[in-house]
N, C-alpha and C. Protein backbone atom coordinates (compact mmCIF):
# COMPACT_ATOMS: atom_id res chain seq x y z
N MET A 1 1.09 -1.18 0.13
CA MET A 1 -0.04 -0.08 0.45
C MET A 1 1.00 1.41 -0.20
N ASN A 2 1.98 1.52 0.70
CA ASN A 2 2.98 2.30 0.67
C ASN A 2 3.57 2.78 -0.49
N GLU A 3 3.93 1.60 -1.25
CA GLU A 3 4.36 1.73 -2.50
C GLU A 3 3.27 2.28 -3.26
N VAL A 4 2.18 2.18 -3.26
CA VAL A 4 1.17 2.52 -4.00
C VAL A 4 1.11 4.44 -4.52
N ILE A 5 0.79 4.83 -3.06
CA ILE A 5 0.72 5.75 -2.55
C ILE A 5 2.16 6.83 -2.76
N TYR A 6 3.21 5.83 -2.66
CA TYR A 6 4.46 7.30 -2.92
C TYR A 6 4.52 7.23 -4.42
N ALA A 7 4.39 5.62 -5.23
CA ALA A 7 4.35 6.10 -6.54
C ALA A 7 3.21 7.06 -7.21
N ALA A 8 2.62 7.31 -6.50
CA ALA A 8 1.07 7.95 -6.77
C ALA A 8 1.41 9.68 -6.65
N VAL A 9 2.60 9.64 -5.17
CA VAL A 9 3.02 10.95 -4.83
C VAL A 9 4.11 11.59 -5.98
N TYR A 10 4.94 10.42 -6.39
CA TYR A 10 6.26 10.52 -7.20
C TYR A 10 5.54 10.99 -8.54
N PHE A 11 4.50 10.88 -8.56
CA PHE A 11 3.61 10.89 -10.29
C PHE A 11 3.13 12.47 -10.29
N ALA A 12 2.17 12.13 -9.18
CA ALA A 12 1.99 14.32 -8.56
C ALA A 12 3.14 14.99 -9.39
N VAL A 13 4.07 14.63 -8.32
CA VAL A 13 5.06 15.92 -8.58
C VAL A 13 5.87 15.90 -9.40
N THR A 14 5.81 14.68 -10.43
CA THR A 14 6.64 15.00 -11.79
C THR A 14 5.84 15.69 -12.76
N LEU A 15 4.77 15.44 -12.87
CA LEU A 15 3.34 16.06 -13.26
C LEU A 15 3.35 17.20 -13.18
N GLY A 16 3.37 17.68 -11.75
CA GLY A 16 3.47 19.26 -11.49
C GLY A 16 4.87 20.09 -12.15
N ALA A 17 5.99 18.77 -11.87
CA ALA A 17 6.88 19.96 -12.53
C ALA A 17 6.98 19.96 -14.41
N PHE A 18 6.30 18.94 -14.72
CA PHE A 18 6.39 19.17 -16.33
C PHE A 18 5.35 20.22 -16.48
N LEU A 19 4.08 20.34 -15.99
CA LEU A 19 3.42 21.66 -16.15
C LEU A 19 4.38 22.72 -15.90
N LEU A 20 4.87 22.75 -14.91
CA LEU A 20 5.23 24.21 -14.51
C LEU A 20 6.21 24.72 -15.88
N GLY A 21 7.52 23.45 -16.05
CA GLY A 21 7.89 23.80 -16.73
C GLY A 21 7.33 24.32 -18.55
N LYS A 22 6.49 23.78 -18.70
CA LYS A 22 5.77 23.78 -19.86
C LYS A 22 5.21 24.97 -20.19
N TYR A 23 4.68 25.11 -19.02
CA TYR A 23 3.42 26.29 -19.19
C TYR A 23 3.40 27.53 -18.74
N VAL A 24 4.47 27.42 -17.23
CA VAL A 24 4.33 29.01 -16.10
C VAL A 24 5.94 29.32 -16.50
N PHE A 25 6.70 28.84 -15.98
CA PHE A 25 8.42 29.56 -16.80
C PHE A 25 8.07 29.89 -17.68
N PRO A 26 8.11 29.93 -19.06
CA PRO A 26 8.23 30.38 -20.56
C PRO A 26 7.18 31.51 -20.21
N ASN A 27 6.64 31.55 -19.40
CA ASN A 27 5.32 32.71 -19.36
C ASN A 27 5.98 33.92 -18.24
N ILE A 28 6.96 33.97 -17.71
CA ILE A 28 7.79 34.64 -16.67
C ILE A 28 8.12 35.37 -17.55
N PRO A 29 8.07 36.94 -17.22
CA PRO A 29 8.61 37.98 -18.15
C PRO A 29 9.99 37.73 -17.73
N LYS A 30 10.81 38.07 -19.53
CA LYS A 30 12.26 38.20 -19.01
C LYS A 30 13.02 38.98 -18.03
N THR A 31 13.88 39.15 -17.60
CA THR A 31 15.06 39.74 -16.89
C THR A 31 14.91 40.90 -17.80
N VAL A 32 15.44 42.06 -16.72
CA VAL A 32 15.63 43.68 -16.97
C VAL A 32 16.74 43.40 -18.06
N THR A 33 17.62 42.64 -17.47
CA THR A 33 19.04 42.39 -18.58
C THR A 33 19.12 42.07 -19.83
N ASP A 34 18.17 40.59 -20.53
CA ASP A 34 17.62 40.44 -21.08
C ASP A 34 17.03 41.45 -22.14
N LYS A 35 15.63 42.03 -21.46
CA LYS A 35 15.22 43.22 -22.05
C LYS A 35 15.86 43.98 -22.72
N LEU A 36 17.07 44.49 -21.72
CA LEU A 36 17.85 45.69 -22.30
C LEU A 36 18.97 45.23 -23.34
N GLY A 37 19.22 44.07 -23.14
CA GLY A 37 20.41 43.54 -24.33
C GLY A 37 19.32 43.87 -25.76
N GLU A 38 18.09 43.01 -25.38
CA GLU A 38 17.26 43.34 -27.09
C GLU A 38 17.10 44.61 -27.20
N LEU A 39 17.13 45.50 -26.29
CA LEU A 39 17.02 46.98 -26.43
C LEU A 39 18.47 47.46 -27.25
N SER A 40 19.75 47.03 -26.65
CA SER A 40 20.32 47.20 -27.21
C SER A 40 20.72 46.84 -29.05
N GLU A 41 19.90 45.51 -29.37
CA GLU A 41 19.83 45.06 -30.50
C GLU A 41 19.00 45.73 -31.41
N TRP A 42 18.15 46.16 -30.86
CA TRP A 42 17.17 47.84 -31.83
C TRP A 42 18.02 48.87 -31.77
N ALA A 43 18.91 49.12 -31.00
CA ALA A 43 19.34 50.36 -30.90
C ALA A 43 20.75 50.63 -31.60
N ALA A 44 21.25 49.57 -31.95
CA ALA A 44 22.01 49.31 -33.34
C ALA A 44 21.66 49.26 -34.16
N LYS A 45 19.99 48.73 -34.51
CA LYS A 45 19.57 48.70 -35.95
C LYS A 45 19.23 50.63 -36.20
N PHE A 46 18.41 50.98 -35.39
CA PHE A 46 17.97 52.39 -35.25
C PHE A 46 19.23 53.59 -35.71
N VAL A 47 20.05 52.92 -35.21
CA VAL A 47 21.23 53.54 -35.40
C VAL A 47 21.58 54.07 -36.91
N GLU A 48 21.69 52.72 -37.30
CA GLU A 48 22.20 52.45 -38.91
C GLU A 48 21.30 52.67 -39.79
N TRP A 49 19.82 52.97 -39.03
CA TRP A 49 18.65 53.16 -39.97
C TRP A 49 18.69 55.10 -40.12
N ALA A 50 19.05 55.58 -38.87
CA ALA A 50 19.54 56.66 -38.86
C ALA A 50 20.42 57.33 -39.20
N LYS A 51 21.35 56.39 -40.01
CA LYS A 51 22.70 56.86 -40.57
C LYS A 51 22.22 57.01 -42.01
N GLU A 52 21.45 55.66 -42.75
CA GLU A 52 21.22 55.59 -43.92
C GLU A 52 20.00 56.37 -44.46
N PHE A 53 19.07 56.73 -43.56
CA PHE A 53 18.12 57.68 -43.99
C PHE A 53 17.29 59.25 -43.48
N LYS A 54 18.89 59.43 -42.58
CA LYS A 54 18.43 60.61 -42.26
C LYS A 54 19.36 61.16 -42.34
N LYS A 55 19.90 61.02 -43.64
CA LYS A 55 21.79 61.91 -43.89
C LYS A 55 21.47 63.48 -43.61
N ASP A 56 20.31 64.19 -44.04
CA ASP A 56 20.18 65.14 -44.37
C ASP A 56 19.64 66.18 -42.59
N LYS A 57 19.92 65.08 -42.16
CA LYS A 57 19.86 65.99 -40.39
C LYS A 57 20.49 65.75 -39.48
N THR A 58 20.89 67.05 -38.72
CA THR A 58 21.84 66.88 -37.60
C THR A 58 22.21 65.27 -36.56
N GLY A 59 23.35 65.68 -36.42
CA GLY A 59 23.79 64.32 -35.11
C GLY A 59 22.46 64.67 -34.10
N GLU A 60 21.97 65.53 -34.06
CA GLU A 60 21.38 65.56 -32.59
C GLU A 60 20.06 65.00 -32.76
N GLU A 61 19.57 65.51 -34.21
CA GLU A 61 18.22 64.99 -34.47
C GLU A 61 18.16 63.49 -34.95
N LYS A 62 19.48 63.27 -35.53
CA LYS A 62 19.03 61.70 -35.35
C LYS A 62 19.18 60.94 -34.26
N MET A 63 19.90 61.54 -33.19
CA MET A 63 19.61 60.83 -32.17
C MET A 63 18.44 60.72 -31.03
N ALA A 64 17.73 61.87 -31.83
CA ALA A 64 16.09 61.73 -30.84
C ALA A 64 15.15 61.16 -31.63
N ALA A 65 15.48 60.75 -33.49
CA ALA A 65 14.82 60.09 -33.89
C ALA A 65 15.13 58.66 -33.48
N VAL A 66 16.24 58.11 -33.22
CA VAL A 66 16.81 57.13 -32.27
C VAL A 66 15.74 56.66 -30.89
N VAL A 67 16.25 57.56 -30.33
CA VAL A 67 15.47 57.64 -28.74
C VAL A 67 14.13 57.57 -29.02
N GLU A 68 13.55 58.27 -30.20
CA GLU A 68 11.94 58.43 -30.53
C GLU A 68 11.57 56.73 -30.29
N GLN A 69 12.50 55.99 -31.52
CA GLN A 69 12.16 54.37 -31.58
C GLN A 69 12.56 53.09 -30.48
N LEU A 70 13.29 53.77 -29.60
CA LEU A 70 13.78 52.96 -29.08
C LEU A 70 12.71 53.15 -27.23
N LYS A 71 12.04 54.28 -27.76
CA LYS A 71 11.28 54.39 -26.37
C LYS A 71 9.76 53.51 -26.93
N LYS A 72 9.73 53.51 -28.15
CA LYS A 72 8.36 52.75 -28.83
C LYS A 72 8.16 51.32 -28.03
N ILE A 73 9.63 51.17 -28.76
CA ILE A 73 10.18 49.27 -28.21
C ILE A 73 10.03 48.97 -26.87
N ALA A 74 10.62 49.74 -25.96
CA ALA A 74 10.26 50.19 -24.61
C ALA A 74 9.43 49.89 -23.87
N ASP A 75 8.79 50.43 -24.47
CA ASP A 75 6.88 50.76 -24.37
C ASP A 75 6.48 49.48 -24.63
N GLU A 76 6.44 48.86 -26.18
CA GLU A 76 5.69 47.88 -25.92
C GLU A 76 6.25 46.23 -25.38
N ALA A 77 7.62 46.64 -24.70
CA ALA A 77 8.24 45.60 -23.90
C ALA A 77 7.81 45.66 -22.62
N GLY A 78 7.28 46.92 -22.25
CA GLY A 78 6.86 47.25 -20.84
C GLY A 78 7.94 47.42 -20.22
N LEU A 79 8.82 47.97 -20.73
CA LEU A 79 10.14 48.54 -19.83
C LEU A 79 9.90 50.04 -19.18
N ASN A 80 10.23 49.97 -18.00
CA ASN A 80 10.22 51.91 -17.62
C ASN A 80 11.86 52.24 -17.51
N VAL A 81 11.78 52.89 -18.81
CA VAL A 81 13.20 53.60 -18.99
C VAL A 81 13.42 54.39 -19.41
N THR A 82 14.58 55.63 -18.55
CA THR A 82 14.10 57.33 -18.70
C THR A 82 14.97 57.70 -19.73
N GLU A 83 14.85 58.73 -20.42
CA GLU A 83 15.11 59.23 -21.75
C GLU A 83 16.81 58.99 -21.94
N ASP A 84 17.28 59.28 -20.47
CA ASP A 84 18.78 59.16 -20.38
C ASP A 84 19.31 58.45 -20.91
N GLN A 85 18.95 57.44 -20.23
CA GLN A 85 19.12 55.82 -20.21
C GLN A 85 18.64 55.35 -21.78
N LEU A 86 17.81 55.76 -22.67
CA LEU A 86 18.00 55.25 -23.59
C LEU A 86 18.99 56.24 -24.76
N LYS A 87 19.19 57.28 -23.92
CA LYS A 87 20.31 58.11 -25.14
C LYS A 87 21.97 57.39 -24.85
N ALA A 88 21.83 56.89 -23.35
CA ALA A 88 23.22 56.08 -23.40
C ALA A 88 23.20 54.93 -23.95
N ILE A 89 22.11 53.87 -24.67
CA ILE A 89 22.25 52.81 -25.10
C ILE A 89 22.22 53.21 -26.78
N ALA A 90 21.46 54.36 -27.33
CA ALA A 90 21.86 54.56 -28.25
C ALA A 90 23.23 55.06 -28.51
N GLN A 91 24.03 56.03 -27.90
CA GLN A 91 25.55 56.20 -28.10
C GLN A 91 25.94 54.95 -27.83
N THR A 92 26.10 53.68 -27.28
CA THR A 92 27.07 53.02 -27.19
C THR A 92 26.91 52.40 -28.59
N ALA A 93 25.22 52.07 -29.32
CA ALA A 93 25.18 51.42 -30.30
C ALA A 93 26.11 52.22 -31.38
N TYR A 94 26.49 53.87 -31.17
CA TYR A 94 26.67 54.55 -31.96
C TYR A 94 28.07 54.06 -32.51
N ASN A 95 28.80 53.77 -30.88
CA ASN A 95 30.29 54.03 -30.56
C ASN A 95 30.38 52.90 -31.38
N ALA A 96 29.90 51.72 -31.14
CA ALA A 96 30.11 50.65 -31.56
C ALA A 96 30.17 50.28 -33.45
N MET A 97 29.12 51.51 -34.27
CA MET A 97 29.22 50.86 -35.03
C MET A 97 30.18 51.78 -35.80
N LYS A 98 30.33 53.03 -35.09
CA LYS A 98 31.78 53.71 -35.45
C LYS A 98 33.19 53.12 -35.27
N ALA A 99 33.28 52.12 -33.94
CA ALA A 99 34.40 51.18 -33.77
C ALA A 99 34.36 50.48 -34.90
N GLY A 100 33.35 49.92 -35.73
CA GLY A 100 32.99 48.88 -36.76
C GLY A 100 33.64 49.35 -38.19
N GLU A 101 33.12 50.64 -37.99
CA GLU A 101 33.57 51.33 -39.61
C GLU A 101 35.63 51.70 -39.46
N LYS A 102 35.73 51.81 -38.13
CA LYS A 102 37.31 51.67 -38.02
C LYS A 102 37.88 50.42 -38.54
N GLU A 103 37.46 49.60 -38.09
CA GLU A 103 38.18 48.21 -37.65
C GLU A 103 37.99 47.97 -39.53
N SER A 104 36.93 48.14 -40.25
CA SER A 104 36.87 47.62 -41.51
C SER A 104 37.61 48.35 -42.38
N THR A 105 38.31 49.52 -41.75
CA THR A 105 39.48 50.54 -42.99
C THR A 105 40.80 50.41 -42.15
N ALA A 106 40.74 49.61 -40.88
CA ALA A 106 42.11 49.68 -40.68
C ALA A 106 42.26 48.39 -41.32
N GLU A 107 42.04 47.23 -41.34
CA GLU A 107 42.24 45.80 -41.95
C GLU A 107 43.19 45.70 -43.41
N PRO A 108 42.69 46.65 -44.60
CA PRO A 108 43.38 46.39 -45.26
C PRO A 108 44.22 47.51 -45.58
N LEU A 109 44.80 48.32 -44.53
CA LEU A 109 46.08 48.77 -44.33
C LEU A 109 46.98 48.11 -43.91
N GLU A 110 46.56 47.06 -42.83
CA GLU A 110 47.77 45.98 -42.27
C GLU A 110 48.12 45.09 -42.76
N ALA A 111 46.95 44.64 -44.07
CA ALA A 111 47.18 43.71 -44.92
C ALA A 111 48.63 44.10 -45.98
N LEU A 112 48.24 45.55 -46.45
CA LEU A 112 48.96 46.15 -47.49
C LEU A 112 50.69 46.45 -46.73
N THR A 113 50.71 46.65 -45.43
CA THR A 113 51.91 46.55 -44.75
C THR A 113 52.35 45.71 -44.50
N ALA A 114 51.67 44.57 -44.31
CA ALA A 114 51.94 43.02 -44.34
C ALA A 114 53.26 42.70 -44.53
N THR A 115 54.62 41.90 -44.10
CA THR A 115 55.57 41.27 -45.01
C THR A 115 54.86 39.96 -45.74
N PRO A 116 55.35 40.03 -47.16
CA PRO A 116 54.55 38.77 -47.79
C PRO A 116 55.57 37.47 -46.85
N ALA A 117 54.64 36.54 -47.14
CA ALA A 117 55.51 34.86 -46.77
C ALA A 117 55.50 34.57 -47.63
N ALA A 118 56.62 33.52 -47.74
CA ALA A 118 57.26 32.81 -48.47
C ALA A 118 56.34 31.99 -49.59
N THR A 119 56.08 32.17 -50.73
CA THR A 119 55.33 31.52 -51.27
C THR A 119 55.93 30.47 -52.32
N VAL A 120 55.04 28.94 -52.10
CA VAL A 120 55.93 27.82 -52.67
C VAL A 120 55.06 27.42 -53.58
N VAL A 121 55.60 27.08 -54.79
CA VAL A 121 54.54 26.30 -55.85
C VAL A 121 55.40 24.76 -56.29
N ILE A 122 54.63 23.56 -56.07
CA ILE A 122 55.10 22.52 -56.82
C ILE A 122 54.32 21.88 -58.13
N ASN A 123 54.97 21.73 -58.45
CA ASN A 123 54.22 20.75 -60.03
C ASN A 123 53.37 21.68 -60.39
N THR A 124 53.53 22.68 -61.52
CA THR A 124 52.55 23.45 -62.20
C THR A 124 53.25 23.72 -63.27
N THR A 125 52.01 24.31 -64.27
CA THR A 125 52.50 24.12 -65.86
C THR A 125 51.89 25.75 -65.78
N ALA A 126 52.64 25.79 -66.92
CA ALA A 126 52.38 27.28 -67.29
C ALA A 126 50.95 27.42 -67.84
N PRO A 127 50.33 28.58 -68.06
CA PRO A 127 48.69 28.54 -68.15
C PRO A 127 48.90 28.21 -69.84
N VAL A 128 47.68 28.13 -70.08
CA VAL A 128 47.47 27.73 -71.97
C VAL A 128 46.63 28.91 -72.08
N THR A 129 47.51 29.39 -72.80
CA THR A 129 46.53 30.66 -73.49
C THR A 129 46.30 30.23 -74.64
N THR A 130 45.15 30.43 -75.43
CA THR A 130 44.56 30.48 -76.69
C THR A 130 43.93 31.69 -77.59
N THR A 131 44.28 31.61 -79.00
CA THR A 131 43.65 33.35 -79.60
C THR A 131 42.61 32.62 -80.64
N GLU A 132 42.08 31.12 -80.51
CA GLU A 132 41.13 30.55 -81.00
C GLU A 132 39.76 31.21 -80.44
N LYS A 133 38.90 32.04 -82.02
CA LYS A 133 37.88 32.51 -81.90
C LYS A 133 37.12 31.69 -82.54
N VAL A 134 35.71 30.97 -81.84
CA VAL A 134 35.33 29.98 -81.89
C VAL A 134 33.58 30.58 -82.13
N ALA A 135 32.73 30.19 -83.83
CA ALA A 135 31.82 30.32 -84.07
C ALA A 135 31.02 29.86 -83.24
N ILE A 136 29.77 29.46 -83.33
CA ILE A 136 28.76 28.36 -82.98
C ILE A 136 27.51 28.00 -84.29
N ALA A 137 27.44 26.99 -85.03
CA ALA A 137 26.51 27.38 -86.12
C ALA A 137 25.31 27.04 -85.58
N THR A 138 24.49 27.44 -85.98
CA THR A 138 22.82 26.95 -85.42
C THR A 138 21.84 27.18 -85.91
N ASP A 139 20.48 26.10 -86.45
CA ASP A 139 19.60 26.48 -86.94
C ASP A 139 18.58 27.44 -86.64
N ASN A 140 18.60 27.64 -84.96
CA ASN A 140 18.09 28.38 -84.11
C ASN A 140 18.15 29.83 -84.29
N VAL A 141 17.88 30.57 -85.76
CA VAL A 141 18.09 31.92 -85.87
C VAL A 141 17.36 33.05 -85.33
N PRO A 142 17.45 33.88 -84.46
CA PRO A 142 16.23 34.55 -84.19
C PRO A 142 15.60 35.18 -85.36
N GLU A 143 14.28 35.62 -85.45
CA GLU A 143 13.72 36.58 -86.43
C GLU A 143 14.59 37.62 -86.42
N GLY A 144 15.09 38.12 -87.72
CA GLY A 144 15.30 39.19 -87.73
C GLY A 144 17.13 39.83 -87.78
N ALA A 145 17.47 38.27 -87.22
CA ALA A 145 18.79 37.80 -86.92
C ALA A 145 20.04 38.77 -87.89
N THR A 146 19.57 38.35 -89.47
CA THR A 146 20.51 38.59 -90.41
C THR A 146 20.36 39.97 -90.99
N GLU A 147 19.30 41.01 -90.14
CA GLU A 147 19.10 42.22 -91.15
C GLU A 147 20.27 43.38 -90.32
N THR A 148 20.01 44.25 -91.02
CA THR A 148 20.85 45.48 -90.29
C THR A 148 19.56 46.05 -89.84
N ASN A 149 20.04 46.99 -88.85
CA ASN A 149 18.96 48.13 -87.83
C ASN A 149 19.09 49.08 -88.71
N ALA A 150 18.27 50.05 -88.34
CA ALA A 150 18.20 51.39 -88.90
C ALA A 150 19.42 52.40 -88.96
N ASP A 151 19.99 51.76 -88.08
CA ASP A 151 20.98 53.02 -87.45
C ASP A 151 22.12 52.51 -88.08
N GLY A 152 22.20 51.15 -88.94
CA GLY A 152 23.67 51.09 -89.30
C GLY A 152 23.74 49.54 -88.31
N THR A 153 23.58 49.21 -87.38
CA THR A 153 24.23 48.48 -86.05
C THR A 153 23.36 47.11 -86.37
N VAL A 154 24.32 45.83 -85.94
CA VAL A 154 23.99 44.65 -86.25
C VAL A 154 23.57 43.70 -85.02
N ASN A 155 22.26 43.80 -84.41
CA ASN A 155 22.21 42.87 -83.08
C ASN A 155 23.18 41.63 -83.17
N LEU A 156 23.28 41.31 -81.60
CA LEU A 156 24.33 40.66 -80.95
C LEU A 156 22.88 39.70 -79.87
N TYR A 157 23.51 38.60 -80.22
CA TYR A 157 22.66 37.94 -79.35
C TYR A 157 23.01 36.71 -78.51
N ASP A 158 22.98 36.41 -77.48
CA ASP A 158 23.21 34.89 -76.52
C ASP A 158 22.47 33.66 -76.98
N ALA A 159 23.24 32.74 -76.84
CA ALA A 159 22.70 31.44 -76.61
C ALA A 159 21.41 31.21 -76.99
N VAL A 160 20.56 31.68 -76.10
CA VAL A 160 19.06 31.68 -76.13
C VAL A 160 18.38 31.73 -77.42
N GLY A 161 19.16 33.17 -78.13
CA GLY A 161 18.49 33.82 -78.98
C GLY A 161 17.73 35.44 -78.23
N ASN A 162 18.28 35.72 -77.38
CA ASN A 162 17.87 37.26 -76.68
C ASN A 162 19.03 38.34 -77.37
N ILE A 163 18.21 38.95 -77.21
CA ILE A 163 19.20 40.17 -77.99
C ILE A 163 20.07 40.84 -76.78
N THR A 164 21.57 40.87 -76.83
CA THR A 164 22.32 41.21 -75.71
C THR A 164 22.96 42.37 -76.07
N GLY A 165 22.67 42.90 -77.17
CA GLY A 165 23.55 44.54 -77.67
C GLY A 165 23.65 44.49 -78.98
N SER A 166 24.85 45.92 -79.28
CA SER A 166 24.42 45.66 -81.14
C SER A 166 26.01 46.47 -81.07
N VAL A 167 26.50 45.84 -82.20
CA VAL A 167 27.83 46.36 -82.93
C VAL A 167 27.50 47.08 -84.20
N THR A 168 28.72 47.83 -85.09
CA THR A 168 28.45 48.14 -85.85
C THR A 168 28.60 47.19 -87.22
N LYS A 169 28.17 47.52 -88.17
CA LYS A 169 28.35 46.63 -89.10
C LYS A 169 29.73 46.07 -90.12
N GLU A 170 30.23 46.95 -89.58
CA GLU A 170 32.06 46.79 -89.84
C GLU A 170 32.33 45.79 -88.78
N GLU A 171 32.60 46.04 -87.49
CA GLU A 171 32.71 45.40 -86.24
C GLU A 171 32.11 43.90 -86.30
N ALA A 172 30.98 43.83 -87.06
CA ALA A 172 30.53 42.46 -87.38
C ALA A 172 30.86 41.69 -88.09
N GLU A 173 31.60 42.10 -89.18
CA GLU A 173 32.18 41.80 -90.69
C GLU A 173 33.77 41.44 -89.51
N LYS A 174 34.15 42.19 -89.07
CA LYS A 174 35.70 41.64 -88.70
C LYS A 174 35.52 40.69 -87.48
N MET A 175 34.60 40.77 -86.28
CA MET A 175 34.60 39.75 -85.88
C MET A 175 34.21 38.36 -86.65
N ALA A 176 33.47 38.75 -87.67
CA ALA A 176 33.02 37.10 -88.21
C ALA A 176 34.52 36.56 -89.22
N ALA A 177 35.43 37.63 -89.53
CA ALA A 177 36.46 37.32 -90.34
C ALA A 177 37.63 36.98 -89.22
N GLU A 178 37.81 36.76 -87.90
CA GLU A 178 38.85 36.35 -87.05
C GLU A 178 38.11 35.28 -86.66
N VAL A 179 36.97 34.44 -86.90
CA VAL A 179 36.42 32.72 -86.27
C VAL A 179 37.73 32.43 -86.80
N THR A 180 38.37 31.18 -86.21
CA THR A 180 39.43 30.41 -86.39
C THR A 180 38.73 28.99 -86.34
N LYS A 181 37.28 28.69 -85.60
CA LYS A 181 36.77 27.47 -85.62
C LYS A 181 35.48 27.71 -85.32
N ILE A 182 34.68 26.77 -86.51
CA ILE A 182 33.25 26.77 -86.26
C ILE A 182 32.75 25.34 -85.48
N VAL A 183 31.84 24.98 -84.75
CA VAL A 183 31.45 24.01 -83.88
C VAL A 183 30.00 23.90 -83.59
N ASP A 184 29.43 22.87 -83.68
CA ASP A 184 27.89 22.95 -83.71
C ASP A 184 27.49 23.59 -82.15
N GLU A 185 26.08 23.26 -82.21
CA GLU A 185 25.97 23.15 -80.60
C GLU A 185 26.14 22.54 -79.81
N GLU A 186 26.27 21.08 -80.37
CA GLU A 186 26.95 20.20 -79.32
C GLU A 186 28.43 19.98 -78.89
N GLY A 187 29.11 21.02 -79.83
CA GLY A 187 30.51 21.34 -79.38
C GLY A 187 31.26 20.32 -80.39
N ASN A 188 30.89 19.68 -81.67
CA ASN A 188 31.30 19.18 -82.27
C ASN A 188 32.58 19.84 -83.53
N THR A 189 33.08 19.78 -83.60
CA THR A 189 34.13 21.12 -85.24
C THR A 189 33.80 20.64 -85.92
N LEU A 190 32.92 21.65 -86.57
CA LEU A 190 32.67 21.67 -88.42
C LEU A 190 33.74 21.79 -89.07
N ALA A 191 34.57 22.80 -88.65
CA ALA A 191 35.55 23.38 -89.90
C ALA A 191 36.81 23.90 -88.76
N ASP A 192 38.20 24.10 -89.23
CA ASP A 192 39.33 25.21 -89.18
C ASP A 192 39.40 25.50 -90.32
N LEU A 193 39.26 26.65 -89.73
CA LEU A 193 39.40 27.99 -91.60
C LEU A 193 41.15 27.95 -91.47
N LYS A 194 41.48 28.19 -89.93
CA LYS A 194 43.01 29.16 -90.04
C LYS A 194 43.95 27.81 -89.02
């Protein structure tokens, strides 16, 4: 009988602990530190926002806009913070942004002044260079591709048949004369001209 009572009490305590962990503890308001951390993250975003979208405003006007936005967030979160505290949070975010900008500009200078390390290259060959000009023969010619435009230019097309630009008729003839190899759409060689 004692074992049944012990098992029932153990079950009740376990069930109570589970229900507290599942439904009560997650709904307890966050600590003030967590809320201030979230407010600092918002401050960083608002400082960037003011920098980008309030370029015509003075520093004081930007600070006021950031503090106003932070006040709205604090009110929504139920935080009771003063304007001076919000200004301090915004100033900290601004200082962090400026420090980040300094670091991003300082790194390339350090890289330029660094002493280069020795480089070892093993088993390499010289790069292959080619002067070959390849043309692709196709039966899928876009409508009007063989015609000259009213301004004397000829349209250029990509592999799908979309117009990608235009060149003068003389430039098109020069490019055609420079072709050294003609291949079909699968890449099979049709002719070697030079």
